[in-house]
Amino acid sequence: MAPIPTPQQEPQDSPEGYVGLDAADAERRARTRGWTTVRSLPPGAIVTMEYRAGRLNFEVRDGQVARSWKG
């Protein structure tokens, strides 16, 4: 029987700290802090509901992060 995979650790980082930043700067900062996937989305984008450890989502309006959340 195969072992149960261990979920990867998420960075100890607050998504709220990215709100208001320039989207490109926020993405660079997130990657240096250990987020493996950073996703920039337009307002109202339709996304799947699956949770992915290590992924940070940005809702970007006018080039700035308006909302940020894990998964």
N, C-alpha and C. Protein backbone atom coordinates (compact mmCIF):
# COMPACT_ATOMS: atom_id res chain seq x y z
N MET A 1 0.84 -1.17 0.00
CA MET A 1 0.00 0.00 0.00
C MET A 1 0.90 1.24 0.00
N ALA A 2 0.53 2.23 -0.80
CA ALA A 2 1.30 3.46 -0.90
C ALA A 2 1.11 4.32 0.35
N PRO A 3 2.15 5.02 0.76
CA PRO A 3 2.01 5.89 1.93
C PRO A 3 1.11 7.08 1.60
N ILE A 4 0.46 7.59 2.63
CA ILE A 4 -0.38 8.79 2.47
C ILE A 4 0.55 9.99 2.34
N PRO A 5 0.38 10.80 1.29
CA PRO A 5 1.27 11.95 1.11
C PRO A 5 1.06 12.99 2.21
N THR A 6 2.14 13.62 2.59
CA THR A 6 2.09 14.68 3.58
C THR A 6 1.85 16.00 2.87
N PRO A 7 0.82 16.75 3.27
CA PRO A 7 0.59 18.04 2.61
C PRO A 7 1.77 18.98 2.84
N GLN A 8 2.06 19.77 1.82
CA GLN A 8 3.17 20.72 1.96
C GLN A 8 2.80 21.82 2.93
N GLN A 9 3.81 22.37 3.57
CA GLN A 9 3.61 23.47 4.51
C GLN A 9 3.38 24.77 3.74
N GLU A 10 2.46 25.57 4.23
CA GLU A 10 2.24 26.89 3.63
C GLU A 10 3.15 27.90 4.31
N PRO A 11 3.54 28.93 3.60
CA PRO A 11 4.34 29.99 4.23
C PRO A 11 3.56 30.63 5.39
N GLN A 12 4.28 31.02 6.41
CA GLN A 12 3.67 31.74 7.53
C GLN A 12 3.59 33.20 7.14
N ASP A 13 2.59 33.51 6.32
CA ASP A 13 2.47 34.81 5.68
C ASP A 13 0.99 35.16 5.62
N SER A 14 0.65 36.39 5.86
CA SER A 14 -0.75 36.82 5.84
C SER A 14 -1.15 37.34 4.47
N PRO A 15 -2.17 36.74 3.85
CA PRO A 15 -2.63 37.22 2.55
C PRO A 15 -3.07 38.69 2.58
N GLU A 16 -3.57 39.16 3.70
CA GLU A 16 -4.04 40.54 3.79
C GLU A 16 -2.92 41.54 3.58
N GLY A 17 -1.67 41.13 3.81
CA GLY A 17 -0.53 42.02 3.66
C GLY A 17 -0.23 42.40 2.22
N TYR A 18 -0.87 41.73 1.27
CA TYR A 18 -0.64 42.02 -0.15
C TYR A 18 -1.65 43.02 -0.73
N VAL A 19 -2.75 43.23 -0.03
CA VAL A 19 -3.79 44.13 -0.52
C VAL A 19 -3.24 45.56 -0.61
N GLY A 20 -3.45 46.18 -1.77
CA GLY A 20 -2.99 47.54 -2.01
C GLY A 20 -1.65 47.62 -2.73
N LEU A 21 -0.95 46.49 -2.84
CA LEU A 21 0.34 46.49 -3.53
C LEU A 21 0.16 46.40 -5.03
N ASP A 22 1.15 46.86 -5.77
CA ASP A 22 1.19 46.66 -7.21
C ASP A 22 1.21 45.15 -7.46
N ALA A 23 0.43 44.67 -8.42
CA ALA A 23 0.27 43.24 -8.65
C ALA A 23 1.59 42.54 -8.94
N ALA A 24 2.44 43.13 -9.78
CA ALA A 24 3.72 42.49 -10.11
C ALA A 24 4.63 42.42 -8.89
N ASP A 25 4.67 43.49 -8.09
CA ASP A 25 5.49 43.49 -6.88
C ASP A 25 4.96 42.48 -5.87
N ALA A 26 3.64 42.39 -5.75
CA ALA A 26 3.03 41.43 -4.82
C ALA A 26 3.38 40.00 -5.22
N GLU A 27 3.34 39.71 -6.51
CA GLU A 27 3.67 38.36 -6.97
C GLU A 27 5.12 38.02 -6.67
N ARG A 28 6.03 38.93 -6.93
CA ARG A 28 7.45 38.69 -6.63
C ARG A 28 7.65 38.45 -5.13
N ARG A 29 7.02 39.27 -4.32
CA ARG A 29 7.14 39.15 -2.86
C ARG A 29 6.60 37.80 -2.39
N ALA A 30 5.46 37.40 -2.93
CA ALA A 30 4.84 36.12 -2.53
C ALA A 30 5.76 34.95 -2.86
N ARG A 31 6.37 34.97 -4.03
CA ARG A 31 7.26 33.87 -4.43
C ARG A 31 8.51 33.83 -3.55
N THR A 32 9.05 34.99 -3.18
CA THR A 32 10.24 34.98 -2.31
C THR A 32 9.88 34.52 -0.91
N ARG A 33 8.63 34.64 -0.52
CA ARG A 33 8.20 34.19 0.81
C ARG A 33 7.77 32.73 0.84
N GLY A 34 7.85 32.06 -0.32
CA GLY A 34 7.62 30.62 -0.32
C GLY A 34 6.34 30.11 -0.94
N TRP A 35 5.50 31.00 -1.48
CA TRP A 35 4.29 30.53 -2.16
C TRP A 35 4.69 29.86 -3.47
N THR A 36 4.26 28.62 -3.67
CA THR A 36 4.66 27.89 -4.87
C THR A 36 3.84 28.28 -6.09
N THR A 37 2.60 28.69 -5.87
CA THR A 37 1.74 29.13 -6.97
C THR A 37 1.12 30.46 -6.58
N VAL A 38 1.22 31.43 -7.48
CA VAL A 38 0.59 32.74 -7.27
C VAL A 38 -0.30 32.99 -8.47
N ARG A 39 -1.56 33.25 -8.21
CA ARG A 39 -2.54 33.39 -9.29
C ARG A 39 -3.18 34.77 -9.22
N SER A 40 -3.06 35.54 -10.31
CA SER A 40 -3.69 36.86 -10.42
C SER A 40 -4.97 36.71 -11.22
N LEU A 41 -6.06 37.21 -10.67
CA LEU A 41 -7.37 37.06 -11.29
C LEU A 41 -8.07 38.41 -11.44
N PRO A 42 -8.84 38.58 -12.50
CA PRO A 42 -9.62 39.82 -12.63
C PRO A 42 -10.81 39.76 -11.67
N PRO A 43 -11.39 40.92 -11.35
CA PRO A 43 -12.57 40.94 -10.48
C PRO A 43 -13.69 40.07 -11.06
N GLY A 44 -14.31 39.28 -10.20
CA GLY A 44 -15.44 38.46 -10.61
C GLY A 44 -15.09 37.22 -11.39
N ALA A 45 -13.80 36.87 -11.45
CA ALA A 45 -13.39 35.68 -12.19
C ALA A 45 -14.02 34.43 -11.57
N ILE A 46 -14.38 33.50 -12.41
CA ILE A 46 -14.93 32.24 -11.94
C ILE A 46 -13.76 31.28 -11.75
N VAL A 47 -13.62 30.76 -10.53
CA VAL A 47 -12.54 29.84 -10.21
C VAL A 47 -13.11 28.59 -9.56
N THR A 48 -12.35 27.52 -9.63
CA THR A 48 -12.77 26.28 -8.99
C THR A 48 -12.63 26.41 -7.48
N MET A 49 -13.32 25.57 -6.75
CA MET A 49 -13.34 25.66 -5.30
C MET A 49 -12.32 24.75 -4.60
N GLU A 50 -11.50 24.01 -5.37
CA GLU A 50 -10.55 23.12 -4.71
C GLU A 50 -9.48 23.95 -3.99
N TYR A 51 -9.05 23.42 -2.87
CA TYR A 51 -8.02 24.10 -2.08
C TYR A 51 -6.67 23.51 -2.42
N ARG A 52 -5.70 24.35 -2.69
CA ARG A 52 -4.33 23.90 -2.96
C ARG A 52 -3.40 24.55 -1.96
N ALA A 53 -2.75 23.73 -1.16
CA ALA A 53 -1.76 24.25 -0.21
C ALA A 53 -0.64 24.91 -1.02
N GLY A 54 -0.18 26.04 -0.56
CA GLY A 54 0.92 26.72 -1.22
C GLY A 54 0.50 27.67 -2.34
N ARG A 55 -0.80 27.81 -2.56
CA ARG A 55 -1.27 28.72 -3.61
C ARG A 55 -1.84 29.99 -2.97
N LEU A 56 -1.47 31.12 -3.56
CA LEU A 56 -1.98 32.42 -3.13
C LEU A 56 -2.69 33.05 -4.32
N ASN A 57 -3.90 33.52 -4.09
CA ASN A 57 -4.72 34.13 -5.14
C ASN A 57 -4.81 35.63 -4.92
N PHE A 58 -4.71 36.37 -6.01
CA PHE A 58 -4.89 37.82 -5.97
C PHE A 58 -6.03 38.20 -6.89
N GLU A 59 -6.93 39.03 -6.40
CA GLU A 59 -7.90 39.70 -7.28
C GLU A 59 -7.29 41.05 -7.59
N VAL A 60 -7.06 41.30 -8.86
CA VAL A 60 -6.34 42.51 -9.28
C VAL A 60 -7.29 43.48 -9.99
N ARG A 61 -7.31 44.72 -9.48
CA ARG A 61 -8.09 45.81 -10.10
C ARG A 61 -7.14 46.96 -10.38
N ASP A 62 -7.14 47.42 -11.62
CA ASP A 62 -6.31 48.56 -12.02
C ASP A 62 -4.84 48.38 -11.62
N GLY A 63 -4.35 47.14 -11.75
CA GLY A 63 -2.93 46.87 -11.48
C GLY A 63 -2.56 46.70 -10.01
N GLN A 64 -3.56 46.79 -9.11
CA GLN A 64 -3.29 46.63 -7.68
C GLN A 64 -4.08 45.46 -7.12
N VAL A 65 -3.51 44.84 -6.11
CA VAL A 65 -4.19 43.72 -5.43
C VAL A 65 -5.33 44.30 -4.59
N ALA A 66 -6.56 43.90 -4.92
CA ALA A 66 -7.74 44.37 -4.19
C ALA A 66 -8.17 43.36 -3.12
N ARG A 67 -7.79 42.09 -3.33
CA ARG A 67 -8.18 41.02 -2.41
C ARG A 67 -7.14 39.90 -2.55
N SER A 68 -6.87 39.21 -1.47
CA SER A 68 -5.90 38.12 -1.50
C SER A 68 -6.37 37.02 -0.57
N TRP A 69 -6.21 35.75 -1.02
CA TRP A 69 -6.62 34.61 -0.19
C TRP A 69 -5.81 33.38 -0.55
N LYS A 70 -5.73 32.47 0.43
CA LYS A 70 -5.01 31.21 0.24
C LYS A 70 -5.84 30.21 -0.53
N GLY A 71 -5.14 29.28 -1.15
CA GLY A 71 -5.80 28.13 -1.75
C GLY A 71 -6.00 28.20 -3.19
